[in-house]
Full PDB file with SEQRES, HELIX, SHEET, SSBOND, CRYST1, ORIGX, SCALE, CONECT and MASTER records, all heavy atoms in Angstrom:
SEQRES   1 A   35  GLU ARG PRO ASP THR GLU LEU THR LEU VAL LEU PRO ARG          
SEQRES   2 A   35  ASP PRO ALA ALA VAL PHE ALA ALA THR PRO VAL ALA TYR          
SEQRES   3 A   35  TYR LEU GLY ALA ASP VAL VAL PRO GLY                          
HELIX    1 AA1 PRO A   15  LEU A   28  1                                  14    
SHEET    1 AA1 2 THR A   8  LEU A  11  0                                        
SHEET    2 AA1 2 ASP A  31  PRO A  34  1                                        
CRYST1    1.000    1.000    1.000  90.00  90.00  90.00 P 1           1          
ORIGX1      1.000000  0.000000  0.000000        0.00000                         
ORIGX2      0.000000  1.000000  0.000000        0.00000                         
ORIGX3      0.000000  0.000000  1.000000        0.00000                         
SCALE1      1.000000  0.000000  0.000000        0.00000                         
SCALE2      0.000000  1.000000  0.000000        0.00000                         
SCALE3      0.000000  0.000000  1.000000        0.00000                         
ATOM      1  N   GLU A   1     181.218 -24.871 -50.383  1.00  0.00           N  
ATOM      2  CA  GLU A   1     182.549 -24.525 -49.916  1.00  0.00           C  
ATOM      3  C   GLU A   1     182.949 -25.432 -48.758  1.00  0.00           C  
ATOM      4  O   GLU A   1     182.174 -25.651 -47.825  1.00  0.00           O  
ATOM      5  CB  GLU A   1     182.603 -23.066 -49.450  1.00  0.00           C  
ATOM      6  CG  GLU A   1     182.340 -22.054 -50.557  1.00  0.00           C  
ATOM      7  CD  GLU A   1     182.455 -20.637 -50.048  1.00  0.00           C  
ATOM      8  OE1 GLU A   1     182.779 -20.460 -48.849  1.00  0.00           O  
ATOM      9  OE2 GLU A   1     182.225 -19.699 -50.838  1.00  0.00           O  
ATOM     10  N   ARG A   2     184.151 -25.928 -48.832  1.00  0.00           N  
ATOM     11  CA  ARG A   2     184.669 -26.777 -47.764  1.00  0.00           C  
ATOM     12  C   ARG A   2     184.911 -25.942 -46.513  1.00  0.00           C  
ATOM     13  O   ARG A   2     185.421 -24.824 -46.597  1.00  0.00           O  
ATOM     14  CB  ARG A   2     185.980 -27.432 -48.218  1.00  0.00           C  
ATOM     15  CG  ARG A   2     186.566 -28.444 -47.240  1.00  0.00           C  
ATOM     16  CD  ARG A   2     187.865 -29.030 -47.773  1.00  0.00           C  
ATOM     17  NE  ARG A   2     188.894 -28.019 -47.896  1.00  0.00           N  
ATOM     18  CZ  ARG A   2     189.662 -27.605 -46.888  1.00  0.00           C  
ATOM     19  NH1 ARG A   2     189.487 -28.102 -45.663  1.00  0.00           N  
ATOM     20  NH2 ARG A   2     190.577 -26.689 -47.080  1.00  0.00           N  
ATOM     21  N   PRO A   3     184.560 -26.457 -45.323  1.00  0.00           N  
ATOM     22  CA  PRO A   3     184.813 -25.707 -44.090  1.00  0.00           C  
ATOM     23  C   PRO A   3     186.308 -25.605 -43.814  1.00  0.00           C  
ATOM     24  O   PRO A   3     187.099 -26.449 -44.251  1.00  0.00           O  
ATOM     25  CB  PRO A   3     184.104 -26.534 -43.018  1.00  0.00           C  
ATOM     26  CG  PRO A   3     184.088 -27.931 -43.571  1.00  0.00           C  
ATOM     27  CD  PRO A   3     183.921 -27.766 -45.055  1.00  0.00           C  
ATOM     28  N   ASP A   4     186.701 -24.580 -43.096  1.00  0.00           N  
ATOM     29  CA  ASP A   4     188.113 -24.377 -42.774  1.00  0.00           C  
ATOM     30  C   ASP A   4     188.462 -25.194 -41.536  1.00  0.00           C  
ATOM     31  O   ASP A   4     188.378 -24.722 -40.404  1.00  0.00           O  
ATOM     32  CB  ASP A   4     188.390 -22.891 -42.533  1.00  0.00           C  
ATOM     33  CG  ASP A   4     189.865 -22.623 -42.270  1.00  0.00           C  
ATOM     34  OD1 ASP A   4     190.678 -23.540 -42.522  1.00  0.00           O  
ATOM     35  OD2 ASP A   4     190.201 -21.519 -41.810  1.00  0.00           O  
ATOM     36  N   THR A   5     188.872 -26.433 -41.768  1.00  0.00           N  
ATOM     37  CA  THR A   5     189.208 -27.330 -40.650  1.00  0.00           C  
ATOM     38  C   THR A   5     190.704 -27.435 -40.411  1.00  0.00           C  
ATOM     39  O   THR A   5     191.112 -28.059 -39.426  1.00  0.00           O  
ATOM     40  CB  THR A   5     188.667 -28.744 -40.918  1.00  0.00           C  
ATOM     41  OG1 THR A   5     189.325 -29.274 -42.084  1.00  0.00           O  
ATOM     42  CG2 THR A   5     187.160 -28.716 -41.149  1.00  0.00           C  
ATOM     43  N   GLU A   6     191.514 -26.884 -41.307  1.00  0.00           N  
ATOM     44  CA  GLU A   6     192.973 -26.952 -41.223  1.00  0.00           C  
ATOM     45  C   GLU A   6     193.490 -28.385 -41.310  1.00  0.00           C  
ATOM     46  O   GLU A   6     194.586 -28.694 -40.834  1.00  0.00           O  
ATOM     47  CB  GLU A   6     193.501 -26.295 -39.947  1.00  0.00           C  
ATOM     48  CG  GLU A   6     193.170 -24.813 -39.815  1.00  0.00           C  
ATOM     49  CD  GLU A   6     193.826 -24.199 -38.599  1.00  0.00           C  
ATOM     50  OE1 GLU A   6     193.226 -24.343 -37.505  1.00  0.00           O  
ATOM     51  OE2 GLU A   6     194.908 -23.617 -38.722  1.00  0.00           O  
ATOM     52  N   LEU A   7     192.706 -29.251 -41.924  1.00  0.00           N  
ATOM     53  CA  LEU A   7     193.107 -30.652 -42.098  1.00  0.00           C  
ATOM     54  C   LEU A   7     193.295 -30.950 -43.579  1.00  0.00           C  
ATOM     55  O   LEU A   7     192.503 -30.491 -44.417  1.00  0.00           O  
ATOM     56  CB  LEU A   7     192.050 -31.592 -41.513  1.00  0.00           C  
ATOM     57  CG  LEU A   7     191.821 -31.500 -40.001  1.00  0.00           C  
ATOM     58  CD1 LEU A   7     190.632 -32.359 -39.601  1.00  0.00           C  
ATOM     59  CD2 LEU A   7     193.073 -31.921 -39.247  1.00  0.00           C  
ATOM     60  N   THR A   8     194.323 -31.739 -43.900  1.00  0.00           N  
ATOM     61  CA  THR A   8     194.623 -32.078 -45.290  1.00  0.00           C  
ATOM     62  C   THR A   8     194.967 -33.553 -45.399  1.00  0.00           C  
ATOM     63  O   THR A   8     195.840 -34.054 -44.685  1.00  0.00           O  
ATOM     64  CB  THR A   8     195.812 -31.252 -45.821  1.00  0.00           C  
ATOM     65  OG1 THR A   8     195.510 -29.856 -45.710  1.00  0.00           O  
ATOM     66  CG2 THR A   8     196.094 -31.589 -47.277  1.00  0.00           C  
ATOM     67  N   LEU A   9     194.282 -34.250 -46.299  1.00  0.00           N  
ATOM     68  CA  LEU A   9     194.604 -35.632 -46.626  1.00  0.00           C  
ATOM     69  C   LEU A   9     195.565 -35.630 -47.808  1.00  0.00           C  
ATOM     70  O   LEU A   9     195.284 -35.016 -48.847  1.00  0.00           O  
ATOM     71  CB  LEU A   9     193.338 -36.400 -47.005  1.00  0.00           C  
ATOM     72  CG  LEU A   9     192.573 -37.124 -45.898  1.00  0.00           C  
ATOM     73  CD1 LEU A   9     191.245 -37.646 -46.454  1.00  0.00           C  
ATOM     74  CD2 LEU A   9     193.380 -38.274 -45.323  1.00  0.00           C  
ATOM     75  N   VAL A  10     196.696 -36.296 -47.665  1.00  0.00           N  
ATOM     76  CA  VAL A  10     197.676 -36.436 -48.733  1.00  0.00           C  
ATOM     77  C   VAL A  10     197.609 -37.874 -49.239  1.00  0.00           C  
ATOM     78  O   VAL A  10     197.792 -38.821 -48.461  1.00  0.00           O  
ATOM     79  CB  VAL A  10     199.095 -36.094 -48.228  1.00  0.00           C  
ATOM     80  CG1 VAL A  10     200.097 -36.190 -49.377  1.00  0.00           C  
ATOM     81  CG2 VAL A  10     199.123 -34.702 -47.607  1.00  0.00           C  
ATOM     82  N   LEU A  11     197.350 -38.038 -50.551  1.00  0.00           N  
ATOM     83  CA  LEU A  11     197.094 -39.364 -51.109  1.00  0.00           C  
ATOM     84  C   LEU A  11     197.898 -39.595 -52.370  1.00  0.00           C  
ATOM     85  O   LEU A  11     198.275 -38.642 -53.072  1.00  0.00           O  
ATOM     86  CB  LEU A  11     195.599 -39.507 -51.446  1.00  0.00           C  
ATOM     87  CG  LEU A  11     194.591 -39.354 -50.320  1.00  0.00           C  
ATOM     88  CD1 LEU A  11     193.183 -39.374 -50.893  1.00  0.00           C  
ATOM     89  CD2 LEU A  11     194.756 -40.456 -49.283  1.00  0.00           C  
ATOM     90  N   PRO A  12     198.128 -40.866 -52.731  1.00  0.00           N  
ATOM     91  CA  PRO A  12     198.755 -41.179 -54.021  1.00  0.00           C  
ATOM     92  C   PRO A  12     197.834 -40.768 -55.171  1.00  0.00           C  
ATOM     93  O   PRO A  12     196.614 -40.664 -55.006  1.00  0.00           O  
ATOM     94  CB  PRO A  12     198.925 -42.701 -53.972  1.00  0.00           C  
ATOM     95  CG  PRO A  12     198.688 -43.111 -52.571  1.00  0.00           C  
ATOM     96  CD  PRO A  12     197.854 -42.069 -51.929  1.00  0.00           C  
ATOM     97  N   ARG A  13     198.421 -40.555 -56.330  1.00  0.00           N  
ATOM     98  CA  ARG A  13     197.650 -40.204 -57.530  1.00  0.00           C  
ATOM     99  C   ARG A  13     197.004 -41.470 -58.098  1.00  0.00           C  
ATOM    100  O   ARG A  13     197.441 -42.005 -59.121  1.00  0.00           O  
ATOM    101  CB  ARG A  13     198.549 -39.526 -58.557  1.00  0.00           C  
ATOM    102  CG  ARG A  13     199.030 -38.141 -58.147  1.00  0.00           C  
ATOM    103  CD  ARG A  13     200.035 -37.588 -59.145  1.00  0.00           C  
ATOM    104  NE  ARG A  13     200.375 -36.207 -58.848  1.00  0.00           N  
ATOM    105  CZ  ARG A  13     201.285 -35.824 -57.966  1.00  0.00           C  
ATOM    106  NH1 ARG A  13     201.954 -36.756 -57.273  1.00  0.00           N  
ATOM    107  NH2 ARG A  13     201.533 -34.547 -57.770  1.00  0.00           N  
ATOM    108  N   ASP A  14     195.977 -41.926 -57.425  1.00  0.00           N  
ATOM    109  CA  ASP A  14     195.343 -43.202 -57.774  1.00  0.00           C  
ATOM    110  C   ASP A  14     193.861 -43.093 -57.437  1.00  0.00           C  
ATOM    111  O   ASP A  14     193.505 -42.824 -56.285  1.00  0.00           O  
ATOM    112  CB  ASP A  14     195.993 -44.343 -56.983  1.00  0.00           C  
ATOM    113  CG  ASP A  14     195.366 -45.698 -57.267  1.00  0.00           C  
ATOM    114  OD1 ASP A  14     194.477 -45.782 -58.141  1.00  0.00           O  
ATOM    115  OD2 ASP A  14     195.758 -46.676 -56.608  1.00  0.00           O  
ATOM    116  N   PRO A  15     192.963 -43.268 -58.426  1.00  0.00           N  
ATOM    117  CA  PRO A  15     191.525 -43.181 -58.120  1.00  0.00           C  
ATOM    118  C   PRO A  15     191.094 -44.095 -56.980  1.00  0.00           C  
ATOM    119  O   PRO A  15     190.226 -43.728 -56.187  1.00  0.00           O  
ATOM    120  CB  PRO A  15     190.862 -43.576 -59.446  1.00  0.00           C  
ATOM    121  CG  PRO A  15     191.863 -43.205 -60.491  1.00  0.00           C  
ATOM    122  CD  PRO A  15     193.203 -43.480 -59.861  1.00  0.00           C  
ATOM    123  N   ALA A  16     191.696 -45.282 -56.867  1.00  0.00           N  
ATOM    124  CA  ALA A  16     191.321 -46.194 -55.786  1.00  0.00           C  
ATOM    125  C   ALA A  16     191.605 -45.580 -54.427  1.00  0.00           C  
ATOM    126  O   ALA A  16     190.814 -45.729 -53.481  1.00  0.00           O  
ATOM    127  CB  ALA A  16     192.061 -47.518 -55.933  1.00  0.00           C  
ATOM    128  N   ALA A  17     192.725 -44.861 -54.299  1.00  0.00           N  
ATOM    129  CA  ALA A  17     193.047 -44.211 -53.032  1.00  0.00           C  
ATOM    130  C   ALA A  17     192.038 -43.116 -52.715  1.00  0.00           C  
ATOM    131  O   ALA A  17     191.632 -42.946 -51.558  1.00  0.00           O  
ATOM    132  CB  ALA A  17     194.459 -43.626 -53.093  1.00  0.00           C  
ATOM    133  N   VAL A  18     191.610 -42.368 -53.733  1.00  0.00           N  
ATOM    134  CA  VAL A  18     190.635 -41.297 -53.517  1.00  0.00           C  
ATOM    135  C   VAL A  18     189.282 -41.880 -53.117  1.00  0.00           C  
ATOM    136  O   VAL A  18     188.608 -41.367 -52.223  1.00  0.00           O  
ATOM    137  CB  VAL A  18     190.504 -40.425 -54.773  1.00  0.00           C  
ATOM    138  CG1 VAL A  18     189.560 -39.253 -54.510  1.00  0.00           C  
ATOM    139  CG2 VAL A  18     191.871 -39.905 -55.217  1.00  0.00           C  
ATOM    140  N   PHE A  19     188.872 -42.952 -53.772  1.00  0.00           N  
ATOM    141  CA  PHE A  19     187.617 -43.616 -53.403  1.00  0.00           C  
ATOM    142  C   PHE A  19     187.660 -44.026 -51.927  1.00  0.00           C  
ATOM    143  O   PHE A  19     186.727 -43.761 -51.163  1.00  0.00           O  
ATOM    144  CB  PHE A  19     187.396 -44.855 -54.279  1.00  0.00           C  
ATOM    145  CG  PHE A  19     186.652 -44.595 -55.552  1.00  0.00           C  
ATOM    146  CD1 PHE A  19     187.120 -43.685 -56.482  1.00  0.00           C  
ATOM    147  CD2 PHE A  19     185.481 -45.275 -55.839  1.00  0.00           C  
ATOM    148  CE1 PHE A  19     186.441 -43.449 -57.665  1.00  0.00           C  
ATOM    149  CE2 PHE A  19     184.786 -45.052 -57.024  1.00  0.00           C  
ATOM    150  CZ  PHE A  19     185.274 -44.137 -57.944  1.00  0.00           C  
ATOM    151  N   ALA A  20     188.732 -44.709 -51.538  1.00  0.00           N  
ATOM    152  CA  ALA A  20     188.825 -45.218 -50.168  1.00  0.00           C  
ATOM    153  C   ALA A  20     188.855 -44.105 -49.143  1.00  0.00           C  
ATOM    154  O   ALA A  20     188.382 -44.267 -48.006  1.00  0.00           O  
ATOM    155  CB  ALA A  20     190.070 -46.094 -50.026  1.00  0.00           C  
ATOM    156  N   ALA A  21     189.378 -42.923 -49.520  1.00  0.00           N  
ATOM    157  CA  ALA A  21     189.515 -41.811 -48.579  1.00  0.00           C  
ATOM    158  C   ALA A  21     188.259 -40.965 -48.468  1.00  0.00           C  
ATOM    159  O   ALA A  21     188.181 -40.088 -47.599  1.00  0.00           O  
ATOM    160  CB  ALA A  21     190.685 -40.923 -49.006  1.00  0.00           C  
ATOM    161  N   THR A  22     187.264 -41.206 -49.312  1.00  0.00           N  
ATOM    162  CA  THR A  22     186.103 -40.314 -49.385  1.00  0.00           C  
ATOM    163  C   THR A  22     185.386 -40.118 -48.051  1.00  0.00           C  
ATOM    164  O   THR A  22     185.119 -38.977 -47.652  1.00  0.00           O  
ATOM    165  CB  THR A  22     185.122 -40.825 -50.455  1.00  0.00           C  
ATOM    166  OG1 THR A  22     185.757 -40.727 -51.734  1.00  0.00           O  
ATOM    167  CG2 THR A  22     183.849 -39.999 -50.468  1.00  0.00           C  
ATOM    168  N   PRO A  23     185.027 -41.165 -47.299  1.00  0.00           N  
ATOM    169  CA  PRO A  23     184.319 -40.930 -46.027  1.00  0.00           C  
ATOM    170  C   PRO A  23     185.149 -40.146 -45.022  1.00  0.00           C  
ATOM    171  O   PRO A  23     184.605 -39.358 -44.243  1.00  0.00           O  
ATOM    172  CB  PRO A  23     184.009 -42.346 -45.520  1.00  0.00           C  
ATOM    173  CG  PRO A  23     184.092 -43.217 -46.726  1.00  0.00           C  
ATOM    174  CD  PRO A  23     185.150 -42.604 -47.584  1.00  0.00           C  
ATOM    175  N   VAL A  24     186.480 -40.337 -45.035  1.00  0.00           N  
ATOM    176  CA  VAL A  24     187.346 -39.596 -44.122  1.00  0.00           C  
ATOM    177  C   VAL A  24     187.367 -38.120 -44.502  1.00  0.00           C  
ATOM    178  O   VAL A  24     187.246 -37.235 -43.649  1.00  0.00           O  
ATOM    179  CB  VAL A  24     188.779 -40.173 -44.137  1.00  0.00           C  
ATOM    180  CG1 VAL A  24     189.664 -39.428 -43.147  1.00  0.00           C  
ATOM    181  CG2 VAL A  24     188.764 -41.663 -43.816  1.00  0.00           C  
ATOM    182  N   ALA A  25     187.518 -37.832 -45.803  1.00  0.00           N  
ATOM    183  CA  ALA A  25     187.529 -36.443 -46.264  1.00  0.00           C  
ATOM    184  C   ALA A  25     186.221 -35.749 -45.917  1.00  0.00           C  
ATOM    185  O   ALA A  25     186.206 -34.577 -45.498  1.00  0.00           O  
ATOM    186  CB  ALA A  25     187.774 -36.407 -47.770  1.00  0.00           C  
ATOM    187  N   TYR A  26     185.101 -36.456 -46.080  1.00  0.00           N  
ATOM    188  CA  TYR A  26     183.787 -35.881 -45.766  1.00  0.00           C  
ATOM    189  C   TYR A  26     183.648 -35.605 -44.276  1.00  0.00           C  
ATOM    190  O   TYR A  26     183.326 -34.482 -43.861  1.00  0.00           O  
ATOM    191  CB  TYR A  26     182.704 -36.853 -46.239  1.00  0.00           C  
ATOM    192  CG  TYR A  26     181.348 -36.654 -45.608  1.00  0.00           C  
ATOM    193  CD1 TYR A  26     180.579 -35.535 -45.897  1.00  0.00           C  
ATOM    194  CD2 TYR A  26     180.825 -37.610 -44.733  1.00  0.00           C  
ATOM    195  CE1 TYR A  26     179.319 -35.361 -45.329  1.00  0.00           C  
ATOM    196  CE2 TYR A  26     179.576 -37.448 -44.165  1.00  0.00           C  
ATOM    197  CZ  TYR A  26     178.819 -36.324 -44.459  1.00  0.00           C  
ATOM    198  OH  TYR A  26     177.581 -36.164 -43.879  1.00  0.00           O  
ATOM    199  N   TYR A  27     183.904 -36.609 -43.451  1.00  0.00           N  
ATOM    200  CA  TYR A  27     183.650 -36.444 -42.018  1.00  0.00           C  
ATOM    201  C   TYR A  27     184.577 -35.415 -41.384  1.00  0.00           C  
ATOM    202  O   TYR A  27     184.184 -34.685 -40.474  1.00  0.00           O  
ATOM    203  CB  TYR A  27     183.785 -37.783 -41.291  1.00  0.00           C  
ATOM    204  CG  TYR A  27     183.521 -37.653 -39.816  1.00  0.00           C  
ATOM    205  CD1 TYR A  27     182.233 -37.396 -39.358  1.00  0.00           C  
ATOM    206  CD2 TYR A  27     184.554 -37.721 -38.884  1.00  0.00           C  
ATOM    207  CE1 TYR A  27     181.975 -37.226 -38.000  1.00  0.00           C  
ATOM    208  CE2 TYR A  27     184.303 -37.553 -37.538  1.00  0.00           C  
ATOM    209  CZ  TYR A  27     183.013 -37.304 -37.105  1.00  0.00           C  
ATOM    210  OH  TYR A  27     182.757 -37.107 -35.768  1.00  0.00           O  
ATOM    211  N   LEU A  28     185.822 -35.326 -41.851  1.00  0.00           N  
ATOM    212  CA  LEU A  28     186.778 -34.380 -41.281  1.00  0.00           C  
ATOM    213  C   LEU A  28     186.778 -33.036 -42.013  1.00  0.00           C  
ATOM    214  O   LEU A  28     187.503 -32.122 -41.619  1.00  0.00           O  
ATOM    215  CB  LEU A  28     188.185 -34.973 -41.299  1.00  0.00           C  
ATOM    216  CG  LEU A  28     188.399 -36.227 -40.448  1.00  0.00           C  
ATOM    217  CD1 LEU A  28     189.843 -36.696 -40.539  1.00  0.00           C  
ATOM    218  CD2 LEU A  28     188.010 -35.978 -38.993  1.00  0.00           C  
ATOM    219  N   GLY A  29     185.978 -32.914 -43.083  1.00  0.00           N  
ATOM    220  CA  GLY A  29     185.987 -31.670 -43.844  1.00  0.00           C  
ATOM    221  C   GLY A  29     187.371 -31.342 -44.357  1.00  0.00           C  
ATOM    222  O   GLY A  29     187.766 -30.175 -44.442  1.00  0.00           O  
ATOM    223  N   ALA A  30     188.135 -32.357 -44.742  1.00  0.00           N  
ATOM    224  CA  ALA A  30     189.548 -32.194 -45.073  1.00  0.00           C  
ATOM    225  C   ALA A  30     189.751 -31.842 -46.535  1.00  0.00           C  
ATOM    226  O   ALA A  30     188.987 -32.276 -47.417  1.00  0.00           O  
ATOM    227  CB  ALA A  30     190.313 -33.483 -44.745  1.00  0.00           C  
ATOM    228  N   ASP A  31     190.788 -31.064 -46.803  1.00  0.00           N  
ATOM    229  CA  ASP A  31     191.262 -30.882 -48.162  1.00  0.00           C  
ATOM    230  C   ASP A  31     191.945 -32.177 -48.594  1.00  0.00           C  
ATOM    231  O   ASP A  31     192.397 -32.963 -47.741  1.00  0.00           O  
ATOM    232  CB  ASP A  31     192.248 -29.709 -48.215  1.00  0.00           C  
ATOM    233  CG  ASP A  31     192.478 -29.214 -49.628  1.00  0.00           C  
ATOM    234  OD1 ASP A  31     191.785 -29.685 -50.548  1.00  0.00           O  
ATOM    235  OD2 ASP A  31     193.357 -28.345 -49.812  1.00  0.00           O  
ATOM    236  N   VAL A  32     192.013 -32.409 -49.904  1.00  0.00           N  
ATOM    237  CA  VAL A  32     192.632 -33.632 -50.418  1.00  0.00           C  
ATOM    238  C   VAL A  32     193.616 -33.236 -51.511  1.00  0.00           C  
ATOM    239  O   VAL A  32     193.232 -32.582 -52.490  1.00  0.00           O  
ATOM    240  CB  VAL A  32     191.586 -34.622 -50.972  1.00  0.00           C  
ATOM    241  CG1 VAL A  32     192.256 -35.943 -51.359  1.00  0.00           C  
ATOM    242  CG2 VAL A  32     190.471 -34.865 -49.962  1.00  0.00           C  
ATOM    243  N   VAL A  33     194.876 -33.617 -51.334  1.00  0.00           N  
ATOM    244  CA  VAL A  33     195.926 -33.223 -52.284  1.00  0.00           C  
ATOM    245  C   VAL A  33     196.803 -34.426 -52.584  1.00  0.00           C  
ATOM    246  O   VAL A  33     196.860 -35.388 -51.804  1.00  0.00           O  
ATOM    247  CB  VAL A  33     196.796 -32.070 -51.714  1.00  0.00           C  
ATOM    248  CG1 VAL A  33     195.942 -30.838 -51.412  1.00  0.00           C  
ATOM    249  CG2 VAL A  33     197.541 -32.522 -50.462  1.00  0.00           C  
ATOM    250  N   PRO A  34     197.524 -34.394 -53.724  1.00  0.00           N  
ATOM    251  CA  PRO A  34     198.424 -35.506 -54.057  1.00  0.00           C  
ATOM    252  C   PRO A  34     199.753 -35.401 -53.322  1.00  0.00           C  
ATOM    253  O   PRO A  34     200.210 -34.307 -52.974  1.00  0.00           O  
ATOM    254  CB  PRO A  34     198.618 -35.347 -55.569  1.00  0.00           C  
ATOM    255  CG  PRO A  34     198.422 -33.884 -55.823  1.00  0.00           C  
ATOM    256  CD  PRO A  34     197.402 -33.414 -54.824  1.00  0.00           C  
ATOM    257  N   GLY A  35     200.363 -36.549 -53.073  1.00  0.00           N  
ATOM    258  CA  GLY A  35     201.665 -36.586 -52.418  1.00  0.00           C  
ATOM    259  C   GLY A  35     202.210 -37.994 -52.372  1.00  0.00           C  
ATOM    260  O   GLY A  35     201.480 -38.967 -52.599  1.00  0.00           O  
TER     261      GLY A  35                                                      
MASTER        0    0    0    1    2    0    0    6  260    1    0    3          
END                                                                             
């Protein structure tokens, strides 16, 4: 379960964007959604 950090990463619908965002999502415990 993801921790409740109240942080959300908004990214384009593109696998390359998700790959590049992975370390940020992990370190910040952020949710990741399209936008």
